[in-house]
C-alpha atoms as a PDB file:
ATOM      1  CA  MET A   1     -44.638  67.077  10.214  1.00  0.00           C
ATOM      2  CA  LEU A   2     -48.290  66.238  10.357  1.00  0.00           C
ATOM      3  CA  GLY A   3     -48.976  63.182  12.522  1.00  0.00           C
ATOM      4  CA  VAL A   4     -45.896  61.329  11.362  1.00  0.00           C
ATOM      5  CA  GLU A   5     -44.435  58.273  13.195  1.00  0.00           C
ATOM      6  CA  VAL A   6     -41.146  56.672  12.080  1.00  0.00           C
ATOM      7  CA  LYS A   7     -40.668  52.991  12.781  1.00  0.00           C
ATOM      8  CA  ARG A   8     -37.748  50.665  12.213  1.00  0.00           C
ATOM      9  CA  ARG A   9     -37.695  46.922  12.012  1.00  0.00           C
ATOM     10  CA  GLU A  10     -36.646  45.407  15.321  1.00  0.00           C
ATOM     11  CA  ILE A  11     -34.018  42.667  15.072  1.00  0.00           C
ATOM     12  CA  LEU A  12     -34.061  40.626  18.279  1.00  0.00           C
ATOM     13  CA  ILE A  13     -30.883  39.001  19.620  1.00  0.00           C
ATOM     14  CA  PRO A  14     -30.685  36.491  22.475  1.00  0.00           C
ATOM     15  CA  LEU A  15     -29.296  38.156  25.637  1.00  0.00           C
ATOM     16  CA  LEU A  16     -27.126  35.150  26.557  1.00  0.00           C
ATOM     17  CA  LEU A  17     -25.417  32.651  24.253  1.00  0.00           C
ATOM     18  CA  LEU A  18     -22.895  30.432  26.034  1.00  0.00           C
ATOM     19  CA  GLY A  19     -19.945  28.786  24.323  1.00  0.00           C
ATOM     20  CA  ALA A  20     -19.812  31.128  21.360  1.00  0.00           C
ATOM     21  CA  ALA A  21     -16.293  31.721  19.824  1.00  0.00           C
ATOM     22  CA  CYS A  22     -14.500  34.992  19.407  1.00  0.00           C
ATOM     23  CA  THR A  23     -10.826  35.271  18.418  1.00  0.00           C
ATOM     24  CA  GLY A  24      -8.304  37.822  19.453  1.00  0.00           C
ATOM     25  CA  ALA A  25      -7.793  39.776  22.645  1.00  0.00           C
ATOM     26  CA  ARG A  26     -10.765  40.855  24.625  1.00  0.00           C
ATOM     27  CA  PRO A  27     -11.505  44.609  24.560  1.00  0.00           C
ATOM     28  CA  ALA A  28     -11.042  46.572  27.786  1.00  0.00           C
ATOM     29  CA  PRO A  29     -14.211  47.665  29.516  1.00  0.00           C
ATOM     30  CA  THR A  30     -15.273  51.176  28.968  1.00  0.00           C
ATOM     31  CA  SER A  31     -17.073  53.420  31.440  1.00  0.00           C
ATOM     32  CA  PRO A  32     -19.011  56.081  29.688  1.00  0.00           C
ATOM     33  CA  ALA A  33     -19.720  59.375  31.329  1.00  0.00           C
ATOM     34  CA  ARG A  34     -22.754  59.532  33.567  1.00  0.00           C
ATOM     35  CA  SER A  35     -25.882  60.355  31.484  1.00  0.00           C
ATOM     36  CA  ASN A  36     -28.513  62.674  32.781  1.00  0.00           C
ATOM     37  CA  THR A  37     -31.893  63.292  31.180  1.00  0.00           C
ATOM     38  CA  ARG A  38     -32.145  66.330  29.064  1.00  0.00           C
ATOM     39  CA  GLY A  39     -34.178  69.230  30.471  1.00  0.00           C
ATOM     40  CA  GLU A  40     -37.805  68.912  29.415  1.00  0.00           C
ATOM     41  CA  THR A  41     -39.602  72.198  30.090  1.00  0.00           C
ATOM     42  CA  THR A  42     -43.004  70.664  29.231  1.00  0.00           C
ATOM     43  CA  SER A  43     -42.729  67.852  31.780  1.00  0.00           C
ATOM     44  CA  PRO A  44     -44.715  68.102  34.976  1.00  0.00           C
ATOM     45  CA  ALA A  45     -42.593  69.314  37.903  1.00  0.00           C
ATOM     46  CA  SER A  46     -43.547  66.269  39.886  1.00  0.00           C
ATOM     47  CA  ARG A  47     -41.497  63.951  37.533  1.00  0.00           C
ATOM     48  CA  LEU A  48     -38.090  63.397  38.918  1.00  0.00           C
ATOM     49  CA  THR A  49     -35.008  63.255  36.651  1.00  0.00           C
ATOM     50  CA  THR A  50     -33.020  60.024  36.519  1.00  0.00           C
ATOM     51  CA  SER A  51     -29.406  59.061  35.827  1.00  0.00           C
ATOM     52  CA  LEU A  52     -28.154  55.885  34.097  1.00  0.00           C
ATOM     53  CA  ASP A  53     -24.605  54.738  34.784  1.00  0.00           C
ATOM     54  CA  MET A  54     -23.394  51.840  32.652  1.00  0.00           C
ATOM     55  CA  GLU A  55     -20.186  49.899  31.963  1.00  0.00           C
ATOM     56  CA  VAL A  56     -19.630  47.633  28.918  1.00  0.00           C
ATOM     57  CA  GLY A  57     -16.936  45.101  28.240  1.00  0.00           C
ATOM     58  CA  PRO A  58     -16.244  41.342  28.014  1.00  0.00           C
ATOM     59  CA  SER A  59     -18.168  39.013  30.234  1.00  0.00           C
ATOM     60  CA  GLU A  60     -17.091  35.882  31.964  1.00  0.00           C
ATOM     61  CA  TYR A  61     -18.326  33.717  29.184  1.00  0.00           C
ATOM     62  CA  VAL A  62     -16.013  33.160  26.217  1.00  0.00           C
ATOM     63  CA  GLY A  63     -16.720  35.423  23.297  1.00  0.00           C
ATOM     64  CA  SER A  64     -19.610  37.257  24.906  1.00  0.00           C
ATOM     65  CA  PHE A  65     -20.003  40.794  26.292  1.00  0.00           C
ATOM     66  CA  ARG A  66     -21.866  42.408  29.109  1.00  0.00           C
ATOM     67  CA  ALA A  67     -23.633  45.752  29.642  1.00  0.00           C
ATOM     68  CA  SER A  68     -24.338  46.446  33.381  1.00  0.00           C
ATOM     69  CA  GLY A  69     -25.345  49.562  35.155  1.00  0.00           C
ATOM     70  CA  THR A  70     -27.524  51.361  37.812  1.00  0.00           C
ATOM     71  CA  LEU A  71     -30.494  53.619  37.504  1.00  0.00           C
ATOM     72  CA  THR A  72     -31.024  56.255  40.139  1.00  0.00           C
ATOM     73  CA  ASP A  73     -33.296  59.278  40.617  1.00  0.00           C
ATOM     74  CA  GLN A  74     -32.258  62.827  41.209  1.00  0.00           C
ATOM     75  CA  THR A  75     -31.973  62.272  44.936  1.00  0.00           C
ATOM     76  CA  GLY A  76     -29.486  59.482  44.307  1.00  0.00           C
ATOM     77  CA  ARG A  77     -31.879  56.720  45.315  1.00  0.00           C
ATOM     78  CA  PRO A  78     -31.900  53.539  43.212  1.00  0.00           C
ATOM     79  CA  VAL A  79     -34.852  52.897  40.946  1.00  0.00           C
ATOM     80  CA  PRO A  80     -36.029  49.257  41.286  1.00  0.00           C
ATOM     81  CA  GLY A  81     -38.369  47.415  38.818  1.00  0.00           C
ATOM     82  CA  ALA A  82     -37.547  49.748  35.934  1.00  0.00           C
ATOM     83  CA  THR A  83     -37.445  48.391  32.340  1.00  0.00           C
ATOM     84  CA  ILE A  84     -34.122  49.029  30.549  1.00  0.00           C
ATOM     85  CA  ARG A  85     -33.919  48.542  26.781  1.00  0.00           C
ATOM     86  CA  VAL A  86     -30.565  47.512  25.371  1.00  0.00           C
ATOM     87  CA  THR A  87     -29.545  47.924  21.705  1.00  0.00           C
ATOM     88  CA  LEU A  88     -26.460  47.412  19.584  1.00  0.00           C
ATOM     89  CA  THR A  89     -25.640  49.813  16.685  1.00  0.00           C
ATOM     90  CA  PRO A  90     -22.621  49.190  14.349  1.00  0.00           C
ATOM     91  CA  LEU A  91     -20.258  52.129  13.946  1.00  0.00           C
ATOM     92  CA  GLU A  92     -18.271  50.670  11.077  1.00  0.00           C
ATOM     93  CA  GLY A  93     -18.838  48.304   8.122  1.00  0.00           C
ATOM     94  CA  PRO A  94     -21.403  48.250   5.264  1.00  0.00           C
ATOM     95  CA  GLY A  95     -24.542  48.280   7.371  1.00  0.00           C
ATOM     96  CA  THR A  96     -27.295  45.673   7.723  1.00  0.00           C
ATOM     97  CA  LEU A  97     -30.625  45.404   5.859  1.00  0.00           C
ATOM     98  CA  GLU A  98     -33.282  47.518   7.628  1.00  0.00           C
ATOM     99  CA  SER A  99     -36.972  48.520   6.939  1.00  0.00           C
ATOM    100  CA  TYR A 100     -37.254  52.195   7.471  1.00  0.00           C
ATOM    101  CA  SER A 101     -40.957  52.940   7.924  1.00  0.00           C
ATOM    102  CA  LEU A 102     -42.839  56.228   8.288  1.00  0.00           C
ATOM    103  CA  SER A 103     -46.575  56.599   9.030  1.00  0.00           C
ATOM    104  CA  GLY A 104     -48.822  59.604   9.138  1.00  0.00           C
ATOM    105  CA  VAL A 105     -51.624  61.387   7.402  1.00  0.00           C
ATOM    106  CA  VAL A 106     -51.713  62.795   3.830  1.00  0.00           C
ATOM    107  CA  PRO A 107     -51.772  66.577   4.028  1.00  0.00           C
ATOM    108  CA  PRO A 108     -55.111  68.354   2.959  1.00  0.00           C
ATOM    109  CA  GLY A 109     -55.083  69.311  -0.752  1.00  0.00           C
ATOM    110  CA  ALA A 110     -52.416  66.729  -1.652  1.00  0.00           C
ATOM    111  CA  SER A 111     -53.283  64.636  -4.784  1.00  0.00           C
ATOM    112  CA  GLN A 112     -49.905  63.155  -5.813  1.00  0.00           C
ATOM    113  CA  ALA A 113     -46.628  62.151  -4.234  1.00  0.00           C
ATOM    114  CA  THR A 114     -43.097  60.848  -4.984  1.00  0.00           C
ATOM    115  CA  VAL A 115     -40.629  58.908  -2.958  1.00  0.00           C
ATOM    116  CA  GLY A 116     -36.853  58.941  -3.150  1.00  0.00           C
ATOM    117  CA  LEU A 117     -33.766  60.148  -1.422  1.00  0.00           C
ATOM    118  CA  ARG A 118     -31.400  63.124  -1.033  1.00  0.00           C
ATOM    119  CA  ALA A 119     -27.631  62.900  -0.515  1.00  0.00           C
ATOM    120  CA  ASN A 120     -25.634  65.960   0.306  1.00  0.00           C
ATOM    121  CA  THR A 121     -28.334  68.259  -1.137  1.00  0.00           C
ATOM    122  CA  GLU A 122     -31.575  69.864   0.188  1.00  0.00           C
ATOM    123  CA  CYS A 123     -30.396  69.094   3.663  1.00  0.00           C
ATOM    124  CA  GLY A 124     -27.629  71.469   4.582  1.00  0.00           C
ATOM    125  CA  CYS A 125     -25.419  68.460   5.090  1.00  0.00           C
ATOM    126  CA  ASP A 126     -22.215  66.965   3.650  1.00  0.00           C
ATOM    127  CA  GLY A 127     -20.811  63.506   4.332  1.00  0.00           C
ATOM    128  CA  ALA A 128     -19.796  60.209   2.777  1.00  0.00           C
ATOM    129  CA  VAL A 129     -22.784  58.233   1.337  1.00  0.00           C
ATOM    130  CA  ASP A 130     -22.783  54.427   1.207  1.00  0.00           C
ATOM    131  CA  LEU A 131     -26.178  52.777   0.974  1.00  0.00           C
ATOM    132  CA  THR A 132     -28.121  50.195  -0.980  1.00  0.00           C
ATOM    133  CA  LEU A 133     -31.832  50.533  -1.730  1.00  0.00           C
ATOM    134  CA  TYR A 134     -33.813  47.352  -2.447  1.00  0.00           C
ATOM    135  CA  ASP A 135     -37.446  48.379  -2.345  1.00  0.00           C
ATOM    136  CA  VAL A 136     -39.824  51.271  -1.674  1.00  0.00           C
ATOM    137  CA  GLU A 137     -43.509  50.771  -0.800  1.00  0.00           C
ATOM    138  CA  TYR A 138     -46.305  53.270  -0.088  1.00  0.00           C
ATOM    139  CA  ALA A 139     -49.833  52.307   1.083  1.00  0.00           C
ATOM    140  CA  GLU A 140     -52.912  54.099   2.372  1.00  0.00           C
ATOM    141  CA  GLY A 141     -55.819  53.240   4.598  1.00  0.00           C
ATOM    142  CA  GLY A 142     -54.285  50.075   5.957  1.00  0.00           C
ATOM    143  CA  SER A 143     -53.967  48.556   2.501  1.00  0.00           C
ATOM    144  CA  SER A 144     -50.920  46.351   1.863  1.00  0.00           C
ATOM    145  CA  LYS A 145     -51.102  47.188  -1.826  1.00  0.00           C
ATOM    146  CA  GLY A 146     -48.081  49.345  -2.894  1.00  0.00           C
ATOM    147  CA  THR A 147     -48.491  52.182  -5.346  1.00  0.00           C
ATOM    148  CA  VAL A 148     -44.787  53.025  -6.224  1.00  0.00           C
ATOM    149  CA  ALA A 149     -44.199  51.958  -9.759  1.00  0.00           C
ATOM    150  CA  ASN A 150     -41.137  49.752 -10.076  1.00  0.00           C
ATOM    151  CA  GLY A 151     -40.428  50.277  -6.376  1.00  0.00           C
ATOM    152  CA  ASP A 152     -38.280  47.112  -6.359  1.00  0.00           C
ATOM    153  CA  PHE A 153     -36.311  47.966  -9.457  1.00  0.00           C
ATOM    154  CA  ALA A 154     -37.501  44.874 -11.217  1.00  0.00           C
ATOM    155  CA  GLY A 155     -37.859  46.953 -14.356  1.00  0.00           C
ATOM    156  CA  GLY A 156     -34.460  48.504 -14.022  1.00  0.00           C
ATOM    157  CA  LEU A 157     -34.485  52.239 -13.440  1.00  0.00           C
ATOM    158  CA  ARG A 158     -37.727  52.791 -15.417  1.00  0.00           C
ATOM    159  CA  GLY A 159     -39.795  55.442 -13.733  1.00  0.00           C
ATOM    160  CA  TRP A 160     -36.961  56.655 -11.543  1.00  0.00           C
ATOM    161  CA  ALA A 161     -35.215  60.093 -12.096  1.00  0.00           C
ATOM    162  CA  LEU A 162     -31.578  60.189 -10.801  1.00  0.00           C
ATOM    163  CA  GLY A 163     -29.405  63.203 -10.714  1.00  0.00           C
ATOM    164  CA  GLY A 164     -26.190  64.592  -9.218  1.00  0.00           C
ATOM    165  CA  SER A 165     -22.509  63.731  -9.362  1.00  0.00           C
ATOM    166  CA  GLY A 166     -22.613  60.737  -6.953  1.00  0.00           C
ATOM    167  CA  THR A 167     -22.194  57.263  -8.315  1.00  0.00           C
ATOM    168  CA  ARG A 168     -25.170  54.801  -8.626  1.00  0.00           C
ATOM    169  CA  HIS A 169     -25.194  51.215  -9.791  1.00  0.00           C
ATOM    170  CA  LEU A 170     -28.121  49.012 -10.454  1.00  0.00           C
ATOM    171  CA  GLY A 171     -27.267  45.244 -10.215  1.00  0.00           C
ATOM    172  CA  PRO A 172     -28.535  41.928  -8.984  1.00  0.00           C
ATOM    173  CA  SER A 173     -29.608  41.907  -5.297  1.00  0.00           C
ATOM    174  CA  ASP A 174     -27.175  40.474  -2.829  1.00  0.00           C
ATOM    175  CA  LEU A 175     -30.147  39.152  -0.921  1.00  0.00           C
ATOM    176  CA  GLY A 176     -31.168  36.675  -3.682  1.00  0.00           C
ATOM    177  CA  GLU A 177     -33.690  37.404  -6.356  1.00  0.00           C
ATOM    178  CA  GLY A 178     -34.438  40.907  -7.626  1.00  0.00           C
ATOM    179  CA  SER A 179     -32.214  44.052  -8.029  1.00  0.00           C
ATOM    180  CA  MET A 180     -30.691  46.662  -5.785  1.00  0.00           C
ATOM    181  CA  LEU A 181     -29.599  50.292  -6.351  1.00  0.00           C
ATOM    182  CA  ARG A 182     -26.163  50.990  -4.851  1.00  0.00           C
ATOM    183  CA  ILE A 183     -25.489  54.681  -3.943  1.00  0.00           C
ATOM    184  CA  ARG A 184     -22.109  56.193  -3.174  1.00  0.00           C
ATOM    185  CA  ALA A 185     -20.949  59.796  -2.870  1.00  0.00           C
ATOM    186  CA  SER A 186     -18.121  61.707  -1.328  1.00  0.00           C
ATOM    187  CA  PRO A 187     -18.841  64.785   1.001  1.00  0.00           C
ATOM    188  CA  ARG A 188     -18.325  66.995  -2.192  1.00  0.00           C
ATOM    189  CA  GLN A 189     -20.743  64.925  -4.327  1.00  0.00           C
ATOM    190  CA  SER A 190     -24.624  65.050  -4.263  1.00  0.00           C
ATOM    191  CA  LEU A 191     -27.266  62.754  -5.513  1.00  0.00           C
ATOM    192  CA  THR A 192     -31.024  62.766  -5.857  1.00  0.00           C
ATOM    193  CA  ALA A 193     -33.405  59.944  -6.717  1.00  0.00           C
ATOM    194  CA  ASP A 194     -37.178  60.393  -7.327  1.00  0.00           C
ATOM    195  CA  SER A 195     -39.850  57.951  -8.281  1.00  0.00           C
ATOM    196  CA  ARG A 196     -42.590  58.552 -10.821  1.00  0.00           C
ATOM    197  CA  ARG A 197     -45.610  60.427  -9.257  1.00  0.00           C
ATOM    198  CA  PHE A 198     -48.421  58.408  -7.852  1.00  0.00           C
ATOM    199  CA  PHE A 199     -51.929  59.399  -6.724  1.00  0.00           C
ATOM    200  CA  VAL A 200     -52.707  59.840  -2.994  1.00  0.00           C
ATOM    201  CA  ALA A 201     -55.918  60.701  -1.093  1.00  0.00           C
ATOM    202  CA  ALA A 202     -55.899  63.757   1.146  1.00  0.00           C
ATOM    203  CA  LYS A 203     -56.381  63.094   4.903  1.00  0.00           C
ATOM    204  CA  GLU A 204     -55.898  59.315   4.515  1.00  0.00           C
ATOM    205  CA  ARG A 205     -53.524  57.445   6.749  1.00  0.00           C
ATOM    206  CA  PHE A 206     -50.394  56.323   4.932  1.00  0.00           C
ATOM    207  CA  THR A 207     -47.172  54.208   5.540  1.00  0.00           C
ATOM    208  CA  VAL A 208     -44.088  54.366   3.374  1.00  0.00           C
ATOM    209  CA  THR A 209     -41.299  51.918   3.720  1.00  0.00           C
ATOM    210  CA  PHE A 210     -37.757  51.840   2.379  1.00  0.00           C
ATOM    211  CA  ASP A 211     -35.856  48.527   2.501  1.00  0.00           C
ATOM    212  CA  ALA A 212     -32.195  49.621   2.550  1.00  0.00           C
ATOM    213  CA  ARG A 213     -28.734  48.853   3.876  1.00  0.00           C
ATOM    214  CA  VAL A 214     -27.132  52.098   5.233  1.00  0.00           C
ATOM    215  CA  ALA A 215     -23.456  52.135   6.177  1.00  0.00           C
ATOM    216  CA  PRO A 216     -22.759  53.837   9.558  1.00  0.00           C
ATOM    217  CA  SER A 217     -20.502  56.314   7.763  1.00  0.00           C
ATOM    218  CA  SER A 218     -23.552  57.765   5.987  1.00  0.00           C
ATOM    219  CA  VAL A 219     -25.028  59.300   9.125  1.00  0.00           C
ATOM    220  CA  GLY A 220     -25.573  63.017   8.562  1.00  0.00           C
ATOM    221  CA  SER A 221     -25.343  62.885   4.771  1.00  0.00           C
ATOM    222  CA  GLY A 222     -28.932  62.763   3.735  1.00  0.00           C
ATOM    223  CA  TYR A 223     -32.391  61.089   4.044  1.00  0.00           C
ATOM    224  CA  PHE A 224     -35.122  59.085   2.412  1.00  0.00           C
ATOM    225  CA  LEU A 225     -38.022  61.250   1.533  1.00  0.00           C
ATOM    226  CA  LEU A 226     -41.738  61.287   0.695  1.00  0.00           C
ATOM    227  CA  VAL A 227     -42.983  64.476  -1.062  1.00  0.00           C
ATOM    228  CA  PHE A 228     -46.631  65.396  -1.301  1.00  0.00           C
ATOM    229  CA  ARG A 229     -47.852  67.632  -4.098  1.00  0.00           C
ATOM    230  CA  ALA A 230     -50.836  69.617  -5.240  1.00  0.00           C
ATOM    231  CA  GLY A 231     -50.474  69.913  -8.919  1.00  0.00           C
ATOM    232  CA  SER A 232     -46.927  71.203  -9.473  1.00  0.00           C
ATOM    233  CA  GLN A 233     -46.512  72.582  -6.075  1.00  0.00           C
ATOM    234  CA  GLU A 234     -44.878  70.677  -3.172  1.00  0.00           C
ATOM    235  CA  ILE A 235     -47.078  70.946   0.016  1.00  0.00           C
ATOM    236  CA  GLY A 236     -45.464  68.520   2.286  1.00  0.00           C
ATOM    237  CA  ARG A 237     -42.215  66.664   2.770  1.00  0.00           C
ATOM    238  CA  GLU A 238     -41.423  63.778   5.169  1.00  0.00           C
ATOM    239  CA  ARG A 239     -37.972  62.356   5.738  1.00  0.00           C
ATOM    240  CA  ILE A 240     -36.060  59.524   7.410  1.00  0.00           C
ATOM    241  CA  ASP A 241     -32.488  60.455   8.018  1.00  0.00           C
ATOM    242  CA  PHE A 242     -29.831  57.936   6.980  1.00  0.00           C
ATOM    243  CA  ALA A 243     -28.872  55.762   9.893  1.00  0.00           C
ATOM    244  CA  PRO A 244     -27.510  52.191  10.321  1.00  0.00           C
ATOM    245  CA  ALA A 245     -29.645  49.368  11.549  1.00  0.00           C
ATOM    246  CA  SER A 246     -29.828  48.737  15.327  1.00  0.00           C
ATOM    247  CA  PHE A 247     -30.237  45.375  17.059  1.00  0.00           C
ATOM    248  CA  SER A 248     -32.472  44.886  20.011  1.00  0.00           C
ATOM    249  CA  LEU A 249     -31.049  42.905  22.909  1.00  0.00           C
ATOM    250  CA  GLY A 250     -34.488  42.948  24.531  1.00  0.00           C
ATOM    251  CA  THR A 251     -35.072  44.338  28.063  1.00  0.00           C
ATOM    252  CA  ARG A 252     -33.824  43.912  31.560  1.00  0.00           C
ATOM    253  CA  THR A 253     -35.533  44.876  34.865  1.00  0.00           C
ATOM    254  CA  THR A 254     -33.574  46.713  37.528  1.00  0.00           C
ATOM    255  CA  ASP A 255     -33.234  44.898  40.940  1.00  0.00           C
ATOM    256  CA  ASP A 256     -33.862  46.427  44.420  1.00  0.00           C
ATOM    257  CA  ASN A 257     -30.460  48.238  44.050  1.00  0.00           C
ATOM    258  CA  GLY A 258     -31.533  49.716  40.724  1.00  0.00           C
ATOM    259  CA  SER A 259     -28.961  47.505  38.899  1.00  0.00           C
ATOM    260  CA  PHE A 260     -29.235  45.585  35.702  1.00  0.00           C
ATOM    261  CA  ARG A 261     -27.017  43.282  33.630  1.00  0.00           C
ATOM    262  CA  ALA A 262     -27.331  42.114  29.981  1.00  0.00           C
ATOM    263  CA  THR A 263     -24.867  39.404  28.770  1.00  0.00           C
ATOM    264  CA  PHE A 264     -24.813  38.842  25.058  1.00  0.00           C
ATOM    265  CA  HIS A 265     -22.876  37.639  22.003  1.00  0.00           C
ATOM    266  CA  PRO A 266     -22.749  39.887  18.960  1.00  0.00           C
ATOM    267  CA  PRO A 267     -25.186  38.686  16.162  1.00  0.00           C
ATOM    268  CA  GLY A 268     -22.641  36.972  13.827  1.00  0.00           C
ATOM    269  CA  VAL A 269     -23.165  37.671  10.201  1.00  0.00           C
ATOM    270  CA  GLU A 270     -25.735  40.380  10.985  1.00  0.00           C
ATOM    271  CA  LEU A 271     -23.024  42.642  12.473  1.00  0.00           C
ATOM    272  CA  ALA A 272     -19.817  43.727  10.722  1.00  0.00           C
ATOM    273  CA  LEU A 273     -16.526  43.520  12.558  1.00  0.00           C
ATOM    274  CA  GLY A 274     -15.376  46.664  14.287  1.00  0.00           C
ATOM    275  CA  ARG A 275     -16.618  49.192  16.805  1.00  0.00           C
ATOM    276  CA  VAL A 276     -20.244  48.724  18.017  1.00  0.00           C
ATOM    277  CA  ARG A 277     -22.248  51.133  20.253  1.00  0.00           C
ATOM    278  CA  VAL A 278     -24.147  49.536  23.137  1.00  0.00           C
ATOM    279  CA  GLU A 279     -26.975  51.714  24.381  1.00  0.00           C
ATOM    280  CA  ALA A 280     -29.135  51.266  27.430  1.00  0.00           C
ATOM    281  CA  ARG A 281     -32.341  53.377  27.856  1.00  0.00           C
ATOM    282  CA  PHE A 282     -34.990  53.839  30.481  1.00  0.00           C
ATOM    283  CA  ASP A 283     -38.132  55.329  28.784  1.00  0.00           C
ATOM    284  CA  GLY A 284     -39.445  56.861  31.983  1.00  0.00           C
ATOM    285  CA  ASP A 285     -42.907  56.616  33.512  1.00  0.00           C
ATOM    286  CA  GLU A 286     -45.473  58.798  35.245  1.00  0.00           C
ATOM    287  CA  ALA A 287     -43.160  59.546  38.103  1.00  0.00           C
ATOM    288  CA  LEU A 288     -39.738  59.557  36.391  1.00  0.00           C
ATOM    289  CA  LEU A 289     -38.107  61.096  33.310  1.00  0.00           C
ATOM    290  CA  PRO A 290     -36.121  58.976  30.798  1.00  0.00           C
ATOM    291  CA  ALA A 291     -32.300  58.416  30.880  1.00  0.00           C
ATOM    292  CA  SER A 292     -29.804  56.723  28.695  1.00  0.00           C
ATOM    293  CA  ALA A 293     -26.198  55.818  28.581  1.00  0.00           C
ATOM    294  CA  SER A 294     -23.947  54.175  25.928  1.00  0.00           C
ATOM    295  CA  GLY A 295     -20.527  52.574  25.544  1.00  0.00           C
ATOM    296  CA  THR A 296     -18.434  50.971  22.831  1.00  0.00           C
ATOM    297  CA  ILE A 297     -17.223  47.415  22.302  1.00  0.00           C
ATOM    298  CA  PHE A 298     -15.014  46.037  19.519  1.00  0.00           C
ATOM    299  CA  VAL A 299     -16.211  43.048  17.673  1.00  0.00           C
ATOM    300  CA  HIS A 300     -13.458  40.865  16.116  1.00  0.00           C
END
């Protein structure tokens, strides 16, 4: 890819909500395996590897959960004052609205482009697909003006080319006004969607955004795409793999013992009932390499 950066809308959730209700038995705490940083051959030898141990489970507050752990370096010493990011990602359910955004530079020689998606084709993948696409926008040079014709499906499927054996249904948006395109496919079915071509300017900065709801079961089954063309020839392709929305729980700072704790309540209607992955990550710094750990809770 050429100078491409993928961004996703951050949904912030309060780290502590007291008195929230949750019915049913509390889940048992889980203790994920110790997570070490991956080998990074390009990193300076002076940067120490780090390990993040974490446990997740119910907290002492009714209906809430906790994620607590310790960050240490390769010598086993605690790392104080480190920033730990904590996120929630649903592992079940229909998914939550997310803005999947990709930025970069238009390849030299490109004059036109299309946007769309691929499910179980042109990816070497096969899996169940369950997603809803609400809007697609493309802009260049910092402009907020979109160039994708009928990117919000206000004109039905006019300008869109759909193919494959998967099912698709255009209907009223479940978000209010407007329309949405619902896509479903089994691992043995495929589906493609492509917009009408639009003009682009070579070497310009661009941003493309797909507003969609992706079910966790769709991971590994396809991607949203942006294709650059010079005449009839494809000269560049950028992709955003299907993935469910994640929810940010903000950050915590490790204490003198390298420990942190986040207490939170799942985000209500934003999160479907079922299994949810809790992930904590230290992004590293000039002296230390990154580390992460994850565990699973059951929201009911």
